[in-house]
Amino acid sequence: MDEIRIILLRIIKIMQVLIILGSSASFIYLGVLAIYHKKLDEAKKFLPWILLGLIILITSYTIPVIILSFLEVKEVPKFP
């Protein structure tokens, strides 16, 4: 059972890294689009989706801790 937990935590960690890289690349792309190509309206259209991705990223860090605290788990597992 402990091996499954470790594998799931590694998968979550990889997904979080991918979300960080994707949102950073999207912000850079939108900045280039808005500044160099003068397409500010098109950049504004994609901004809410990037912010939604960042909100999902933040909740992916906090929700497991909140659930474990409600279950009264003494030690919150760390990412391997």
N, C-alpha and C. Protein backbone atom coordinates (compact mmCIF):
# COMPACT_ATOMS: atom_id res chain seq x y z
N MET A 1 0.83 -1.20 0.00
CA MET A 1 0.00 0.00 0.00
C MET A 1 0.87 1.25 0.00
N ASP A 2 2.00 1.16 0.66
CA ASP A 2 2.89 2.31 0.74
C ASP A 2 3.49 2.63 -0.63
N GLU A 3 3.73 1.60 -1.43
CA GLU A 3 4.28 1.80 -2.78
C GLU A 3 3.30 2.54 -3.67
N ILE A 4 2.02 2.22 -3.54
CA ILE A 4 0.98 2.90 -4.33
C ILE A 4 0.93 4.37 -3.97
N ARG A 5 1.04 4.67 -2.68
CA ARG A 5 1.02 6.06 -2.23
C ARG A 5 2.19 6.83 -2.81
N ILE A 6 3.36 6.22 -2.81
CA ILE A 6 4.56 6.88 -3.34
C ILE A 6 4.41 7.12 -4.85
N ILE A 7 3.88 6.14 -5.57
CA ILE A 7 3.69 6.30 -7.01
C ILE A 7 2.69 7.42 -7.30
N LEU A 8 1.59 7.47 -6.55
CA LEU A 8 0.60 8.53 -6.75
C LEU A 8 1.17 9.90 -6.43
N LEU A 9 1.97 10.00 -5.38
CA LEU A 9 2.58 11.29 -5.04
C LEU A 9 3.56 11.74 -6.13
N ARG A 10 4.28 10.80 -6.72
CA ARG A 10 5.20 11.15 -7.81
C ARG A 10 4.44 11.62 -9.05
N ILE A 11 3.33 10.96 -9.35
CA ILE A 11 2.51 11.38 -10.49
C ILE A 11 1.96 12.78 -10.27
N ILE A 12 1.49 13.07 -9.06
CA ILE A 12 0.97 14.40 -8.74
C ILE A 12 2.08 15.44 -8.86
N LYS A 13 3.27 15.10 -8.40
CA LYS A 13 4.39 16.03 -8.49
C LYS A 13 4.74 16.33 -9.94
N ILE A 14 4.75 15.33 -10.79
CA ILE A 14 5.05 15.53 -12.21
C ILE A 14 3.98 16.40 -12.86
N MET A 15 2.72 16.15 -12.52
CA MET A 15 1.64 16.96 -13.08
C MET A 15 1.74 18.42 -12.64
N GLN A 16 2.13 18.65 -11.39
CA GLN A 16 2.28 20.02 -10.92
C GLN A 16 3.41 20.74 -11.64
N VAL A 17 4.50 20.04 -11.89
CA VAL A 17 5.61 20.65 -12.63
C VAL A 17 5.18 20.98 -14.05
N LEU A 18 4.44 20.09 -14.68
CA LEU A 18 3.96 20.36 -16.04
C LEU A 18 3.01 21.55 -16.08
N ILE A 19 2.15 21.69 -15.08
CA ILE A 19 1.24 22.83 -15.03
C ILE A 19 2.02 24.13 -14.84
N ILE A 20 3.04 24.12 -13.99
CA ILE A 20 3.86 25.31 -13.80
C ILE A 20 4.55 25.70 -15.10
N LEU A 21 5.16 24.73 -15.77
CA LEU A 21 5.84 25.02 -17.03
C LEU A 21 4.86 25.50 -18.10
N GLY A 22 3.72 24.88 -18.18
CA GLY A 22 2.73 25.28 -19.18
C GLY A 22 2.18 26.67 -18.95
N SER A 23 1.89 26.99 -17.69
CA SER A 23 1.35 28.33 -17.41
C SER A 23 2.42 29.40 -17.61
N SER A 24 3.66 29.09 -17.27
CA SER A 24 4.74 30.06 -17.51
C SER A 24 4.93 30.30 -19.00
N ALA A 25 4.93 29.24 -19.78
CA ALA A 25 5.07 29.39 -21.23
C ALA A 25 3.88 30.15 -21.82
N SER A 26 2.70 29.92 -21.29
CA SER A 26 1.51 30.62 -21.79
C SER A 26 1.58 32.11 -21.48
N PHE A 27 2.03 32.47 -20.27
CA PHE A 27 2.18 33.89 -19.93
C PHE A 27 3.20 34.56 -20.85
N ILE A 28 4.30 33.88 -21.12
CA ILE A 28 5.31 34.45 -22.01
C ILE A 28 4.75 34.61 -23.42
N TYR A 29 4.04 33.60 -23.91
CA TYR A 29 3.45 33.67 -25.25
C TYR A 29 2.45 34.81 -25.33
N LEU A 30 1.59 34.96 -24.33
CA LEU A 30 0.61 36.03 -24.35
C LEU A 30 1.27 37.40 -24.28
N GLY A 31 2.36 37.50 -23.53
CA GLY A 31 3.09 38.77 -23.48
C GLY A 31 3.69 39.13 -24.84
N VAL A 32 4.27 38.15 -25.51
CA VAL A 32 4.83 38.39 -26.85
C VAL A 32 3.71 38.73 -27.82
N LEU A 33 2.60 38.03 -27.72
CA LEU A 33 1.47 38.28 -28.60
C LEU A 33 0.93 39.70 -28.41
N ALA A 34 0.83 40.12 -27.17
CA ALA A 34 0.26 41.44 -26.88
C ALA A 34 1.22 42.57 -27.24
N ILE A 35 2.51 42.38 -27.00
CA ILE A 35 3.46 43.47 -27.21
C ILE A 35 3.91 43.57 -28.66
N TYR A 36 4.36 42.48 -29.23
CA TYR A 36 4.97 42.54 -30.55
C TYR A 36 3.97 42.47 -31.70
N HIS A 37 2.89 41.74 -31.52
CA HIS A 37 1.94 41.57 -32.61
C HIS A 37 0.70 42.45 -32.44
N LYS A 38 0.64 43.22 -31.37
CA LYS A 38 -0.47 44.14 -31.10
C LYS A 38 -1.84 43.45 -31.13
N LYS A 39 -1.90 42.23 -30.62
CA LYS A 39 -3.16 41.48 -30.55
C LYS A 39 -3.60 41.36 -29.09
N LEU A 40 -3.85 42.48 -28.48
CA LEU A 40 -4.20 42.50 -27.06
C LEU A 40 -5.55 41.83 -26.80
N ASP A 41 -6.51 42.00 -27.72
CA ASP A 41 -7.82 41.38 -27.52
C ASP A 41 -7.73 39.85 -27.55
N GLU A 42 -6.88 39.32 -28.41
CA GLU A 42 -6.70 37.87 -28.46
C GLU A 42 -6.00 37.35 -27.20
N ALA A 43 -5.06 38.13 -26.69
CA ALA A 43 -4.36 37.74 -25.46
C ALA A 43 -5.29 37.76 -24.27
N LYS A 44 -6.20 38.74 -24.23
CA LYS A 44 -7.16 38.82 -23.12
C LYS A 44 -8.12 37.64 -23.13
N LYS A 45 -8.35 37.06 -24.28
CA LYS A 45 -9.28 35.94 -24.39
C LYS A 45 -8.73 34.68 -23.71
N PHE A 46 -7.40 34.50 -23.71
CA PHE A 46 -6.79 33.30 -23.15
C PHE A 46 -6.40 33.46 -21.67
N LEU A 47 -6.34 34.66 -21.18
CA LEU A 47 -5.89 34.92 -19.81
C LEU A 47 -6.72 34.21 -18.74
N PRO A 48 -8.06 34.21 -18.81
CA PRO A 48 -8.83 33.50 -17.77
C PRO A 48 -8.51 32.00 -17.68
N TRP A 49 -8.21 31.37 -18.81
CA TRP A 49 -7.90 29.94 -18.80
C TRP A 49 -6.56 29.68 -18.12
N ILE A 50 -5.62 30.57 -18.32
CA ILE A 50 -4.32 30.41 -17.65
C ILE A 50 -4.48 30.62 -16.15
N LEU A 51 -5.26 31.61 -15.77
CA LEU A 51 -5.49 31.84 -14.34
C LEU A 51 -6.23 30.67 -13.71
N LEU A 52 -7.16 30.06 -14.44
CA LEU A 52 -7.85 28.88 -13.93
C LEU A 52 -6.87 27.73 -13.70
N GLY A 53 -5.92 27.57 -14.61
CA GLY A 53 -4.90 26.54 -14.43
C GLY A 53 -4.05 26.78 -13.21
N LEU A 54 -3.71 28.04 -12.95
CA LEU A 54 -2.93 28.36 -11.75
C LEU A 54 -3.73 28.13 -10.48
N ILE A 55 -5.03 28.39 -10.52
CA ILE A 55 -5.88 28.12 -9.35
C ILE A 55 -5.95 26.62 -9.09
N ILE A 56 -6.06 25.83 -10.15
CA ILE A 56 -6.05 24.37 -9.99
C ILE A 56 -4.72 23.90 -9.41
N LEU A 57 -3.64 24.53 -9.84
CA LEU A 57 -2.32 24.18 -9.30
C LEU A 57 -2.25 24.45 -7.81
N ILE A 58 -2.71 25.60 -7.38
CA ILE A 58 -2.66 25.95 -5.96
C ILE A 58 -3.54 25.00 -5.14
N THR A 59 -4.72 24.68 -5.66
CA THR A 59 -5.59 23.76 -4.91
C THR A 59 -5.03 22.35 -4.88
N SER A 60 -4.25 21.97 -5.90
CA SER A 60 -3.66 20.63 -5.87
C SER A 60 -2.62 20.50 -4.76
N TYR A 61 -2.06 21.61 -4.30
CA TYR A 61 -1.15 21.58 -3.17
C TYR A 61 -1.91 21.60 -1.84
N THR A 62 -3.04 22.31 -1.78
CA THR A 62 -3.70 22.52 -0.49
C THR A 62 -4.77 21.49 -0.16
N ILE A 63 -5.48 20.97 -1.14
CA ILE A 63 -6.59 20.06 -0.85
C ILE A 63 -6.14 18.79 -0.14
N PRO A 64 -5.05 18.12 -0.56
CA PRO A 64 -4.64 16.92 0.20
C PRO A 64 -4.32 17.21 1.67
N VAL A 65 -3.72 18.35 1.93
CA VAL A 65 -3.39 18.71 3.32
C VAL A 65 -4.67 18.95 4.11
N ILE A 66 -5.64 19.61 3.53
CA ILE A 66 -6.91 19.87 4.21
C ILE A 66 -7.64 18.56 4.50
N ILE A 67 -7.68 17.67 3.52
CA ILE A 67 -8.38 16.38 3.71
C ILE A 67 -7.70 15.56 4.80
N LEU A 68 -6.37 15.52 4.79
CA LEU A 68 -5.67 14.76 5.82
C LEU A 68 -5.84 15.37 7.20
N SER A 69 -5.96 16.69 7.27
CA SER A 69 -6.17 17.30 8.59
C SER A 69 -7.57 16.99 9.12
N PHE A 70 -8.57 16.90 8.22
CA PHE A 70 -9.90 16.51 8.67
C PHE A 70 -9.95 15.06 9.10
N LEU A 71 -9.13 14.22 8.49
CA LEU A 71 -9.06 12.82 8.86
C LEU A 71 -8.17 12.59 10.07
N GLU A 72 -7.61 13.67 10.59
CA GLU A 72 -6.76 13.65 11.78
C GLU A 72 -5.53 12.78 11.60
N VAL A 73 -4.93 12.86 10.43
CA VAL A 73 -3.68 12.18 10.17
C VAL A 73 -2.56 13.03 10.78
N LYS A 74 -1.75 12.41 11.61
CA LYS A 74 -0.71 13.16 12.34
C LYS A 74 0.38 13.68 11.42
N GLU A 75 0.77 12.89 10.43
CA GLU A 75 1.88 13.26 9.57
C GLU A 75 1.41 13.37 8.12
N VAL A 76 1.59 14.54 7.54
CA VAL A 76 1.23 14.75 6.13
C VAL A 76 2.39 14.22 5.29
N PRO A 77 2.10 13.32 4.33
CA PRO A 77 3.20 12.75 3.54
C PRO A 77 3.86 13.80 2.66
N LYS A 78 5.16 13.71 2.55
CA LYS A 78 5.94 14.62 1.71
C LYS A 78 6.08 14.00 0.33
N PHE A 79 6.27 14.86 -0.66
CA PHE A 79 6.51 14.36 -2.01
C PHE A 79 7.89 13.75 -2.09
N PRO A 80 8.00 12.58 -2.70
CA PRO A 80 9.32 11.94 -2.80
C PRO A 80 10.22 12.65 -3.79
